[in-house]
Amino acid sequence: VLSATVAVYPNPAENATTLSIITQRSGEKTEIRLYDLLGNLLWSNSIKLPAGLYHQDIDLKEYSPGIYFIEVKNGDQSIVNKLEKL
């Protein structure tokens, strides 16, 4: 059973993107990470989410245009979304 669902918008994005996470269980430690194409960790956030909907804004201004990956790890589940920065 999936414990979280994730959406990234807008995608492609220019200066910022928003990550929406819907969790079914409260209090689970959730790791959010942004990687470049080479797998270098560029940004991360570790939080305990309540059950329901959570939004995380990610500032992209300092990053060059290209392809990035956003990983959300919640419990034993890991979800990776591709993000294009314009």
N, C-alpha and C. Protein backbone atom coordinates (compact mmCIF):
# COMPACT_ATOMS: atom_id res chain seq x y z
N VAL A 1 0.85 -1.18 0.00
CA VAL A 1 0.00 0.00 0.00
C VAL A 1 0.89 1.24 0.00
N LEU A 2 0.66 2.17 -0.93
CA LEU A 2 1.43 3.39 -0.99
C LEU A 2 1.09 4.27 0.19
N SER A 3 2.13 4.87 0.81
CA SER A 3 1.90 5.75 1.95
C SER A 3 1.91 7.21 1.54
N ALA A 4 2.29 7.51 0.29
CA ALA A 4 2.32 8.90 -0.17
C ALA A 4 2.16 8.97 -1.67
N THR A 5 1.57 10.08 -2.14
CA THR A 5 1.55 10.40 -3.56
C THR A 5 2.16 11.79 -3.72
N VAL A 6 2.80 12.02 -4.86
CA VAL A 6 3.58 13.24 -5.07
C VAL A 6 3.26 13.83 -6.43
N ALA A 7 3.14 15.17 -6.48
CA ALA A 7 2.98 15.90 -7.73
C ALA A 7 3.94 17.09 -7.72
N VAL A 8 4.51 17.41 -8.90
CA VAL A 8 5.43 18.54 -9.05
C VAL A 8 4.84 19.48 -10.10
N TYR A 9 4.68 20.76 -9.72
CA TYR A 9 4.12 21.73 -10.67
C TYR A 9 4.64 23.12 -10.36
N PRO A 10 4.77 24.03 -11.30
CA PRO A 10 4.73 23.70 -12.72
C PRO A 10 5.94 22.88 -13.13
N ASN A 11 5.81 22.17 -14.19
CA ASN A 11 6.91 21.37 -14.72
C ASN A 11 6.71 21.25 -16.23
N PRO A 12 7.53 21.94 -17.01
CA PRO A 12 8.77 22.65 -16.69
C PRO A 12 8.51 23.92 -15.88
N ALA A 13 9.57 24.36 -15.18
CA ALA A 13 9.50 25.52 -14.30
C ALA A 13 10.64 26.47 -14.60
N GLU A 14 10.43 27.75 -14.26
CA GLU A 14 11.49 28.73 -14.46
C GLU A 14 12.23 29.05 -13.17
N ASN A 15 11.55 29.70 -12.23
CA ASN A 15 12.22 30.16 -11.01
C ASN A 15 11.89 29.35 -9.77
N ALA A 16 10.77 28.64 -9.79
CA ALA A 16 10.36 27.87 -8.61
C ALA A 16 9.40 26.77 -9.03
N THR A 17 9.30 25.76 -8.20
CA THR A 17 8.32 24.71 -8.41
C THR A 17 7.72 24.36 -7.06
N THR A 18 6.56 23.74 -7.08
CA THR A 18 5.88 23.32 -5.86
C THR A 18 5.72 21.81 -5.88
N LEU A 19 6.01 21.22 -4.76
CA LEU A 19 5.86 19.78 -4.56
C LEU A 19 4.64 19.58 -3.67
N SER A 20 3.67 18.80 -4.12
CA SER A 20 2.50 18.46 -3.31
C SER A 20 2.61 17.00 -2.91
N ILE A 21 2.53 16.75 -1.62
CA ILE A 21 2.63 15.40 -1.10
C ILE A 21 1.36 15.09 -0.31
N ILE A 22 0.73 13.99 -0.65
CA ILE A 22 -0.43 13.52 0.11
C ILE A 22 -0.01 12.26 0.84
N THR A 23 -0.08 12.30 2.16
CA THR A 23 0.29 11.14 2.97
C THR A 23 -0.93 10.57 3.67
N GLN A 24 -0.89 9.27 3.88
CA GLN A 24 -1.99 8.59 4.56
C GLN A 24 -1.72 8.43 6.05
N ARG A 25 -0.44 8.44 6.42
CA ARG A 25 -0.06 8.24 7.82
C ARG A 25 0.57 9.50 8.39
N SER A 26 0.25 9.80 9.61
CA SER A 26 0.77 11.00 10.26
C SER A 26 2.09 10.72 10.96
N GLY A 27 2.98 11.72 10.95
CA GLY A 27 4.21 11.65 11.72
C GLY A 27 5.37 10.92 11.09
N GLU A 28 5.21 10.45 9.85
CA GLU A 28 6.33 9.76 9.21
C GLU A 28 7.39 10.76 8.77
N LYS A 29 8.64 10.41 9.02
CA LYS A 29 9.74 11.23 8.56
C LYS A 29 9.78 11.17 7.03
N THR A 30 9.83 12.33 6.41
CA THR A 30 9.85 12.41 4.96
C THR A 30 11.07 13.21 4.53
N GLU A 31 11.82 12.66 3.61
CA GLU A 31 13.01 13.32 3.06
C GLU A 31 12.67 13.81 1.66
N ILE A 32 12.95 15.07 1.38
CA ILE A 32 12.77 15.65 0.05
C ILE A 32 14.15 16.07 -0.43
N ARG A 33 14.54 15.59 -1.62
CA ARG A 33 15.88 15.88 -2.14
C ARG A 33 15.80 16.27 -3.61
N LEU A 34 16.65 17.24 -4.00
CA LEU A 34 16.78 17.67 -5.38
C LEU A 34 18.17 17.30 -5.87
N TYR A 35 18.22 16.56 -6.99
CA TYR A 35 19.49 16.10 -7.57
C TYR A 35 19.63 16.64 -8.99
N ASP A 36 20.88 16.83 -9.41
CA ASP A 36 21.12 17.13 -10.82
C ASP A 36 21.26 15.82 -11.60
N LEU A 37 21.51 15.92 -12.90
CA LEU A 37 21.62 14.73 -13.75
C LEU A 37 22.77 13.81 -13.36
N LEU A 38 23.80 14.37 -12.72
CA LEU A 38 24.95 13.55 -12.31
C LEU A 38 24.75 12.90 -10.94
N GLY A 39 23.59 13.15 -10.32
CA GLY A 39 23.31 12.56 -9.02
C GLY A 39 23.83 13.38 -7.85
N ASN A 40 24.27 14.60 -8.11
CA ASN A 40 24.74 15.47 -7.02
C ASN A 40 23.54 16.03 -6.26
N LEU A 41 23.59 15.93 -4.94
CA LEU A 41 22.53 16.47 -4.09
C LEU A 41 22.67 17.99 -4.05
N LEU A 42 21.61 18.71 -4.46
CA LEU A 42 21.65 20.16 -4.52
C LEU A 42 20.87 20.82 -3.38
N TRP A 43 19.82 20.14 -2.92
CA TRP A 43 18.94 20.72 -1.90
C TRP A 43 18.23 19.56 -1.19
N SER A 44 17.97 19.73 0.10
CA SER A 44 17.22 18.70 0.82
C SER A 44 16.44 19.31 1.97
N ASN A 45 15.41 18.60 2.38
CA ASN A 45 14.59 19.00 3.52
C ASN A 45 14.07 17.72 4.17
N SER A 46 14.15 17.67 5.49
CA SER A 46 13.66 16.51 6.25
C SER A 46 12.56 17.00 7.18
N ILE A 47 11.37 16.41 7.06
CA ILE A 47 10.23 16.86 7.85
C ILE A 47 9.39 15.67 8.30
N LYS A 48 8.59 15.88 9.33
CA LYS A 48 7.57 14.90 9.74
C LYS A 48 6.24 15.46 9.30
N LEU A 49 5.59 14.74 8.41
CA LEU A 49 4.35 15.22 7.82
C LEU A 49 3.13 14.74 8.58
N PRO A 50 2.11 15.60 8.70
CA PRO A 50 0.82 15.13 9.19
C PRO A 50 0.11 14.39 8.05
N ALA A 51 -0.88 13.61 8.38
CA ALA A 51 -1.67 12.96 7.32
C ALA A 51 -2.38 14.03 6.52
N GLY A 52 -2.49 13.82 5.22
CA GLY A 52 -3.17 14.77 4.36
C GLY A 52 -2.23 15.43 3.38
N LEU A 53 -2.57 16.65 2.98
CA LEU A 53 -1.86 17.37 1.93
C LEU A 53 -0.80 18.31 2.51
N TYR A 54 0.40 18.28 1.90
CA TYR A 54 1.50 19.16 2.29
C TYR A 54 2.11 19.74 1.02
N HIS A 55 2.45 21.03 1.05
CA HIS A 55 3.09 21.70 -0.07
C HIS A 55 4.49 22.14 0.32
N GLN A 56 5.46 21.93 -0.57
CA GLN A 56 6.84 22.39 -0.37
C GLN A 56 7.25 23.17 -1.61
N ASP A 57 7.54 24.46 -1.44
CA ASP A 57 8.06 25.26 -2.55
C ASP A 57 9.56 25.07 -2.64
N ILE A 58 10.08 24.96 -3.86
CA ILE A 58 11.51 24.80 -4.09
C ILE A 58 11.97 25.92 -5.02
N ASP A 59 12.88 26.75 -4.53
CA ASP A 59 13.43 27.87 -5.30
C ASP A 59 14.47 27.33 -6.28
N LEU A 60 14.29 27.63 -7.55
CA LEU A 60 15.18 27.12 -8.60
C LEU A 60 16.06 28.21 -9.20
N LYS A 61 15.98 29.43 -8.71
CA LYS A 61 16.68 30.56 -9.33
C LYS A 61 18.18 30.34 -9.47
N GLU A 62 18.80 29.70 -8.51
CA GLU A 62 20.26 29.54 -8.54
C GLU A 62 20.74 28.38 -9.42
N TYR A 63 19.81 27.63 -10.00
CA TYR A 63 20.19 26.47 -10.81
C TYR A 63 20.10 26.78 -12.29
N SER A 64 20.98 26.19 -13.06
CA SER A 64 21.01 26.36 -14.51
C SER A 64 19.85 25.61 -15.16
N PRO A 65 19.43 26.06 -16.34
CA PRO A 65 18.41 25.29 -17.07
C PRO A 65 18.88 23.86 -17.32
N GLY A 66 17.96 22.92 -17.24
CA GLY A 66 18.30 21.53 -17.47
C GLY A 66 17.33 20.60 -16.77
N ILE A 67 17.73 19.34 -16.66
CA ILE A 67 16.90 18.29 -16.06
C ILE A 67 17.39 18.02 -14.64
N TYR A 68 16.44 17.91 -13.72
CA TYR A 68 16.73 17.62 -12.31
C TYR A 68 15.77 16.52 -11.86
N PHE A 69 16.07 15.93 -10.72
CA PHE A 69 15.22 14.91 -10.14
C PHE A 69 14.89 15.27 -8.70
N ILE A 70 13.60 15.14 -8.37
CA ILE A 70 13.15 15.36 -7.00
C ILE A 70 12.76 14.01 -6.43
N GLU A 71 13.41 13.64 -5.33
CA GLU A 71 13.10 12.38 -4.65
C GLU A 71 12.36 12.69 -3.36
N VAL A 72 11.29 11.96 -3.13
CA VAL A 72 10.55 12.03 -1.87
C VAL A 72 10.59 10.64 -1.27
N LYS A 73 11.18 10.54 -0.09
CA LYS A 73 11.27 9.26 0.61
C LYS A 73 10.41 9.35 1.86
N ASN A 74 9.42 8.47 1.93
CA ASN A 74 8.43 8.48 3.00
C ASN A 74 8.27 7.04 3.49
N GLY A 75 8.76 6.77 4.71
CA GLY A 75 8.74 5.40 5.19
C GLY A 75 9.64 4.54 4.32
N ASP A 76 9.11 3.44 3.81
CA ASP A 76 9.91 2.56 2.96
C ASP A 76 9.68 2.83 1.47
N GLN A 77 8.96 3.91 1.16
CA GLN A 77 8.63 4.25 -0.22
C GLN A 77 9.50 5.41 -0.70
N SER A 78 10.01 5.29 -1.92
CA SER A 78 10.78 6.37 -2.53
C SER A 78 10.15 6.68 -3.89
N ILE A 79 9.83 7.96 -4.11
CA ILE A 79 9.22 8.40 -5.35
C ILE A 79 10.15 9.42 -5.98
N VAL A 80 10.47 9.26 -7.27
CA VAL A 80 11.34 10.19 -7.96
C VAL A 80 10.56 10.82 -9.12
N ASN A 81 10.59 12.15 -9.20
CA ASN A 81 9.96 12.89 -10.27
C ASN A 81 11.03 13.66 -11.04
N LYS A 82 10.90 13.66 -12.37
CA LYS A 82 11.79 14.44 -13.20
C LYS A 82 11.27 15.87 -13.28
N LEU A 83 12.17 16.84 -13.19
CA LEU A 83 11.83 18.25 -13.27
C LEU A 83 12.69 18.92 -14.33
N GLU A 84 12.07 19.69 -15.21
CA GLU A 84 12.82 20.45 -16.20
C GLU A 84 12.81 21.90 -15.78
N LYS A 85 14.02 22.49 -15.67
CA LYS A 85 14.15 23.92 -15.38
C LYS A 85 14.46 24.62 -16.69
N LEU A 86 13.64 25.64 -16.97
CA LEU A 86 13.81 26.41 -18.20
C LEU A 86 14.82 27.53 -18.02
